[in-house]
PDB file of all heavy atoms in Angstrom:
ATOM      1  N   GLY A   1     -73.003  46.577  -9.121  1.00  0.00           N
ATOM      2  CA  GLY A   1     -74.066  45.702  -8.650  1.00  0.00           C
ATOM      3  C   GLY A   1     -75.170  46.483  -7.951  1.00  0.00           C
ATOM      4  O   GLY A   1     -75.077  47.699  -7.758  1.00  0.00           O
ATOM      5  N   GLU A   2     -76.203  45.788  -7.561  1.00  0.00           N
ATOM      6  CA  GLU A   2     -77.364  46.413  -6.923  1.00  0.00           C
ATOM      7  C   GLU A   2     -77.007  47.132  -5.624  1.00  0.00           C
ATOM      8  O   GLU A   2     -77.665  48.103  -5.250  1.00  0.00           O
ATOM      9  CB  GLU A   2     -78.448  45.360  -6.657  1.00  0.00           C
ATOM     10  CG  GLU A   2     -79.117  44.871  -7.931  1.00  0.00           C
ATOM     11  CD  GLU A   2     -80.254  43.912  -7.643  1.00  0.00           C
ATOM     12  OE1 GLU A   2     -80.863  44.006  -6.556  1.00  0.00           O
ATOM     13  OE2 GLU A   2     -80.532  43.075  -8.514  1.00  0.00           O
ATOM     14  N   LYS A   3     -75.978  46.673  -4.930  1.00  0.00           N
ATOM     15  CA  LYS A   3     -75.553  47.302  -3.681  1.00  0.00           C
ATOM     16  C   LYS A   3     -74.478  48.362  -3.911  1.00  0.00           C
ATOM     17  O   LYS A   3     -73.862  48.851  -2.968  1.00  0.00           O
ATOM     18  CB  LYS A   3     -75.029  46.248  -2.713  1.00  0.00           C
ATOM     19  CG  LYS A   3     -76.093  45.273  -2.253  1.00  0.00           C
ATOM     20  CD  LYS A   3     -75.503  44.283  -1.276  1.00  0.00           C
ATOM     21  CE  LYS A   3     -76.545  43.295  -0.813  1.00  0.00           C
ATOM     22  NZ  LYS A   3     -75.993  42.337   0.159  1.00  0.00           N
ATOM     23  N   GLY A   4     -74.207  48.718  -5.173  1.00  0.00           N
ATOM     24  CA  GLY A   4     -73.200  49.730  -5.486  1.00  0.00           C
ATOM     25  C   GLY A   4     -71.781  49.190  -5.488  1.00  0.00           C
ATOM     26  O   GLY A   4     -70.824  49.946  -5.526  1.00  0.00           O
ATOM     27  N   GLN A   5     -71.631  47.884  -5.459  1.00  0.00           N
ATOM     28  CA  GLN A   5     -70.312  47.277  -5.417  1.00  0.00           C
ATOM     29  C   GLN A   5     -69.768  47.047  -6.825  1.00  0.00           C
ATOM     30  O   GLN A   5     -70.521  46.748  -7.743  1.00  0.00           O
ATOM     31  CB  GLN A   5     -70.364  45.942  -4.680  1.00  0.00           C
ATOM     32  CG  GLN A   5     -70.787  46.082  -3.229  1.00  0.00           C
ATOM     33  CD  GLN A   5     -71.067  44.746  -2.589  1.00  0.00           C
ATOM     34  OE1 GLN A   5     -71.624  43.838  -3.209  1.00  0.00           O
ATOM     35  NE2 GLN A   5     -70.676  44.607  -1.330  1.00  0.00           N
ATOM     36  N   ILE A   6     -68.444  47.179  -6.946  1.00  0.00           N
ATOM     37  CA  ILE A   6     -67.765  46.836  -8.196  1.00  0.00           C
ATOM     38  C   ILE A   6     -66.667  45.830  -7.873  1.00  0.00           C
ATOM     39  O   ILE A   6     -66.211  45.745  -6.735  1.00  0.00           O
ATOM     40  CB  ILE A   6     -67.148  48.064  -8.906  1.00  0.00           C
ATOM     41  CG1 ILE A   6     -66.083  48.730  -8.029  1.00  0.00           C
ATOM     42  CG2 ILE A   6     -68.210  49.046  -9.334  1.00  0.00           C
ATOM     43  CD1 ILE A   6     -65.233  49.738  -8.761  1.00  0.00           C
ATOM     44  N   VAL A   7     -66.272  45.076  -8.860  1.00  0.00           N
ATOM     45  CA  VAL A   7     -65.165  44.138  -8.708  1.00  0.00           C
ATOM     46  C   VAL A   7     -63.971  44.724  -9.449  1.00  0.00           C
ATOM     47  O   VAL A   7     -64.051  45.042 -10.635  1.00  0.00           O
ATOM     48  CB  VAL A   7     -65.527  42.748  -9.283  1.00  0.00           C
ATOM     49  CG1 VAL A   7     -64.324  41.818  -9.247  1.00  0.00           C
ATOM     50  CG2 VAL A   7     -66.694  42.149  -8.522  1.00  0.00           C
ATOM     51  N   ILE A   8     -62.861  44.877  -8.732  1.00  0.00           N
ATOM     52  CA  ILE A   8     -61.628  45.342  -9.367  1.00  0.00           C
ATOM     53  C   ILE A   8     -61.069  44.147 -10.135  1.00  0.00           C
ATOM     54  O   ILE A   8     -60.871  43.067  -9.555  1.00  0.00           O
ATOM     55  CB  ILE A   8     -60.610  45.832  -8.318  1.00  0.00           C
ATOM     56  CG1 ILE A   8     -61.208  46.997  -7.508  1.00  0.00           C
ATOM     57  CG2 ILE A   8     -59.305  46.252  -8.992  1.00  0.00           C
ATOM     58  CD1 ILE A   8     -60.395  47.375  -6.290  1.00  0.00           C
ATOM     59  N   PRO A   9     -60.819  44.309 -11.439  1.00  0.00           N
ATOM     60  CA  PRO A   9     -60.328  43.178 -12.235  1.00  0.00           C
ATOM     61  C   PRO A   9     -59.056  42.560 -11.643  1.00  0.00           C
ATOM     62  O   PRO A   9     -58.221  43.254 -11.052  1.00  0.00           O
ATOM     63  CB  PRO A   9     -60.049  43.802 -13.608  1.00  0.00           C
ATOM     64  CG  PRO A   9     -60.988  44.966 -13.666  1.00  0.00           C
ATOM     65  CD  PRO A   9     -61.023  45.506 -12.262  1.00  0.00           C
ATOM     66  N   LYS A  10     -58.932  41.241 -11.796  1.00  0.00           N
ATOM     67  CA  LYS A  10     -57.818  40.476 -11.232  1.00  0.00           C
ATOM     68  C   LYS A  10     -56.465  41.066 -11.599  1.00  0.00           C
ATOM     69  O   LYS A  10     -55.585  41.199 -10.750  1.00  0.00           O
ATOM     70  CB  LYS A  10     -57.903  39.021 -11.707  1.00  0.00           C
ATOM     71  CG  LYS A  10     -56.783  38.154 -11.190  1.00  0.00           C
ATOM     72  CD  LYS A  10     -56.893  36.746 -11.720  1.00  0.00           C
ATOM     73  CE  LYS A  10     -55.714  35.922 -11.233  1.00  0.00           C
ATOM     74  NZ  LYS A  10     -55.710  34.598 -11.831  1.00  0.00           N
ATOM     75  N   GLU A  11     -56.275  41.419 -12.871  1.00  0.00           N
ATOM     76  CA  GLU A  11     -54.982  41.953 -13.315  1.00  0.00           C
ATOM     77  C   GLU A  11     -54.637  43.242 -12.572  1.00  0.00           C
ATOM     78  O   GLU A  11     -53.469  43.490 -12.249  1.00  0.00           O
ATOM     79  CB  GLU A  11     -54.998  42.214 -14.829  1.00  0.00           C
ATOM     80  CG  GLU A  11     -55.099  40.948 -15.659  1.00  0.00           C
ATOM     81  CD  GLU A  11     -56.536  40.479 -15.911  1.00  0.00           C
ATOM     82  OE1 GLU A  11     -57.472  40.992 -15.269  1.00  0.00           O
ATOM     83  OE2 GLU A  11     -56.724  39.601 -16.746  1.00  0.00           O
ATOM     84  N   MET A  12     -55.633  44.062 -12.285  1.00  0.00           N
ATOM     85  CA  MET A  12     -55.393  45.313 -11.563  1.00  0.00           C
ATOM     86  C   MET A  12     -55.104  45.035 -10.088  1.00  0.00           C
ATOM     87  O   MET A  12     -54.228  45.667  -9.492  1.00  0.00           O
ATOM     88  CB  MET A  12     -56.570  46.260 -11.721  1.00  0.00           C
ATOM     89  CG  MET A  12     -56.701  46.787 -13.122  1.00  0.00           C
ATOM     90  SD  MET A  12     -58.076  47.927 -13.264  1.00  0.00           S
ATOM     91  CE  MET A  12     -57.970  48.318 -15.002  1.00  0.00           C
ATOM     92  N   ARG A  13     -55.826  44.084  -9.499  1.00  0.00           N
ATOM     93  CA  ARG A  13     -55.547  43.712  -8.103  1.00  0.00           C
ATOM     94  C   ARG A  13     -54.121  43.195  -7.982  1.00  0.00           C
ATOM     95  O   ARG A  13     -53.399  43.536  -7.040  1.00  0.00           O
ATOM     96  CB  ARG A  13     -56.533  42.655  -7.608  1.00  0.00           C
ATOM     97  CG  ARG A  13     -57.964  43.161  -7.493  1.00  0.00           C
ATOM     98  CD  ARG A  13     -58.867  42.189  -6.739  1.00  0.00           C
ATOM     99  NE  ARG A  13     -58.749  40.801  -7.118  1.00  0.00           N
ATOM    100  CZ  ARG A  13     -59.523  40.196  -8.031  1.00  0.00           C
ATOM    101  NH1 ARG A  13     -60.468  40.865  -8.671  1.00  0.00           N
ATOM    102  NH2 ARG A  13     -59.356  38.920  -8.301  1.00  0.00           N
ATOM    103  N   GLU A  14     -53.699  42.373  -8.944  1.00  0.00           N
ATOM    104  CA  GLU A  14     -52.336  41.845  -8.927  1.00  0.00           C
ATOM    105  C   GLU A  14     -51.312  42.955  -9.121  1.00  0.00           C
ATOM    106  O   GLU A  14     -50.284  42.986  -8.449  1.00  0.00           O
ATOM    107  CB  GLU A  14     -52.173  40.774 -10.006  1.00  0.00           C
ATOM    108  CG  GLU A  14     -52.918  39.491  -9.683  1.00  0.00           C
ATOM    109  CD  GLU A  14     -52.888  38.472 -10.808  1.00  0.00           C
ATOM    110  OE1 GLU A  14     -52.494  38.806 -11.952  1.00  0.00           O
ATOM    111  OE2 GLU A  14     -53.287  37.311 -10.545  1.00  0.00           O
ATOM    112  N   MET A  15     -51.583  43.877 -10.041  1.00  0.00           N
ATOM    113  CA  MET A  15     -50.664  44.969 -10.331  1.00  0.00           C
ATOM    114  C   MET A  15     -50.371  45.801  -9.075  1.00  0.00           C
ATOM    115  O   MET A  15     -49.235  46.207  -8.836  1.00  0.00           O
ATOM    116  CB  MET A  15     -51.238  45.885 -11.424  1.00  0.00           C
ATOM    117  CG  MET A  15     -50.357  47.086 -11.758  1.00  0.00           C
ATOM    118  SD  MET A  15     -51.133  48.196 -12.963  1.00  0.00           S
ATOM    119  CE  MET A  15     -50.706  47.371 -14.475  1.00  0.00           C
ATOM    120  N   PHE A  16     -51.400  46.007  -8.250  1.00  0.00           N
ATOM    121  CA  PHE A  16     -51.252  46.866  -7.074  1.00  0.00           C
ATOM    122  C   PHE A  16     -51.194  46.086  -5.762  1.00  0.00           C
ATOM    123  O   PHE A  16     -51.181  46.676  -4.689  1.00  0.00           O
ATOM    124  CB  PHE A  16     -52.383  47.895  -7.033  1.00  0.00           C
ATOM    125  CG  PHE A  16     -52.251  48.919  -8.106  1.00  0.00           C
ATOM    126  CD1 PHE A  16     -53.013  48.829  -9.258  1.00  0.00           C
ATOM    127  CD2 PHE A  16     -51.343  49.955  -7.995  1.00  0.00           C
ATOM    128  CE1 PHE A  16     -52.890  49.755 -10.274  1.00  0.00           C
ATOM    129  CE2 PHE A  16     -51.198  50.887  -9.009  1.00  0.00           C
ATOM    130  CZ  PHE A  16     -51.969  50.793 -10.144  1.00  0.00           C
ATOM    131  N   GLY A  17     -51.155  44.760  -5.851  1.00  0.00           N
ATOM    132  CA  GLY A  17     -51.040  43.951  -4.643  1.00  0.00           C
ATOM    133  C   GLY A  17     -52.246  44.058  -3.727  1.00  0.00           C
ATOM    134  O   GLY A  17     -52.120  43.974  -2.510  1.00  0.00           O
ATOM    135  N   ILE A  18     -53.437  44.230  -4.305  1.00  0.00           N
ATOM    136  CA  ILE A  18     -54.667  44.328  -3.514  1.00  0.00           C
ATOM    137  C   ILE A  18     -55.160  42.925  -3.218  1.00  0.00           C
ATOM    138  O   ILE A  18     -55.373  42.129  -4.124  1.00  0.00           O
ATOM    139  CB  ILE A  18     -55.742  45.142  -4.268  1.00  0.00           C
ATOM    140  CG1 ILE A  18     -55.246  46.560  -4.527  1.00  0.00           C
ATOM    141  CG2 ILE A  18     -57.049  45.154  -3.490  1.00  0.00           C
ATOM    142  CD1 ILE A  18     -56.145  47.367  -5.459  1.00  0.00           C
ATOM    143  N   ARG A  19     -55.327  42.643  -1.925  1.00  0.00           N
ATOM    144  CA  ARG A  19     -55.739  41.309  -1.492  1.00  0.00           C
ATOM    145  C   ARG A  19     -57.050  41.395  -0.710  1.00  0.00           C
ATOM    146  O   ARG A  19     -57.385  42.438  -0.167  1.00  0.00           O
ATOM    147  CB  ARG A  19     -54.660  40.704  -0.612  1.00  0.00           C
ATOM    148  CG  ARG A  19     -53.302  40.654  -1.292  1.00  0.00           C
ATOM    149  CD  ARG A  19     -52.420  39.614  -0.647  1.00  0.00           C
ATOM    150  NE  ARG A  19     -51.075  39.601  -1.199  1.00  0.00           N
ATOM    151  CZ  ARG A  19     -50.741  39.118  -2.383  1.00  0.00           C
ATOM    152  NH1 ARG A  19     -51.652  38.618  -3.163  1.00  0.00           N
ATOM    153  NH2 ARG A  19     -49.493  39.139  -2.807  1.00  0.00           N
ATOM    154  N   PRO A  20     -57.789  40.272  -0.624  1.00  0.00           N
ATOM    155  CA  PRO A  20     -59.020  40.269   0.158  1.00  0.00           C
ATOM    156  C   PRO A  20     -58.763  40.782   1.577  1.00  0.00           C
ATOM    157  O   PRO A  20     -57.761  40.427   2.199  1.00  0.00           O
ATOM    158  CB  PRO A  20     -59.446  38.797   0.172  1.00  0.00           C
ATOM    159  CG  PRO A  20     -58.856  38.239  -1.076  1.00  0.00           C
ATOM    160  CD  PRO A  20     -57.535  38.961  -1.238  1.00  0.00           C
ATOM    161  N   GLY A  21     -59.639  41.637   2.059  1.00  0.00           N
ATOM    162  CA  GLY A  21     -59.504  42.205   3.397  1.00  0.00           C
ATOM    163  C   GLY A  21     -58.734  43.510   3.439  1.00  0.00           C
ATOM    164  O   GLY A  21     -58.736  44.195   4.456  1.00  0.00           O
ATOM    165  N   ASP A  22     -58.027  43.866   2.343  1.00  0.00           N
ATOM    166  CA  ASP A  22     -57.312  45.144   2.303  1.00  0.00           C
ATOM    167  C   ASP A  22     -58.301  46.303   2.347  1.00  0.00           C
ATOM    168  O   ASP A  22     -59.434  46.188   1.874  1.00  0.00           O
ATOM    169  CB  ASP A  22     -56.482  45.281   1.014  1.00  0.00           C
ATOM    170  CG  ASP A  22     -55.208  44.462   1.035  1.00  0.00           C
ATOM    171  OD1 ASP A  22     -54.888  43.882   2.093  1.00  0.00           O
ATOM    172  OD2 ASP A  22     -54.537  44.405  -0.015  1.00  0.00           O
ATOM    173  N   THR A  23     -57.857  47.401   2.908  1.00  0.00           N
ATOM    174  CA  THR A  23     -58.648  48.627   2.892  1.00  0.00           C
ATOM    175  C   THR A  23     -58.076  49.516   1.803  1.00  0.00           C
ATOM    176  O   THR A  23     -56.858  49.691   1.710  1.00  0.00           O
ATOM    177  CB  THR A  23     -58.553  49.343   4.261  1.00  0.00           C
ATOM    178  OG1 THR A  23     -59.103  48.482   5.247  1.00  0.00           O
ATOM    179  CG2 THR A  23     -59.319  50.647   4.246  1.00  0.00           C
ATOM    180  N   ILE A  24     -58.948  50.057   0.976  1.00  0.00           N
ATOM    181  CA  ILE A  24     -58.503  50.976  -0.072  1.00  0.00           C
ATOM    182  C   ILE A  24     -59.207  52.319   0.138  1.00  0.00           C
ATOM    183  O   ILE A  24     -60.223  52.392   0.818  1.00  0.00           O
ATOM    184  CB  ILE A  24     -58.793  50.439  -1.491  1.00  0.00           C
ATOM    185  CG1 ILE A  24     -60.288  50.195  -1.694  1.00  0.00           C
ATOM    186  CG2 ILE A  24     -58.008  49.158  -1.747  1.00  0.00           C
ATOM    187  CD1 ILE A  24     -60.661  49.845  -3.119  1.00  0.00           C
TER     188      ILE A  24
END
């Protein structure tokens, strides 16, 4: 995106247990 942000696809977030507010 314009601010340099990307969205991690849902399937990948689920695979690694990444939830809103997590730090990566």
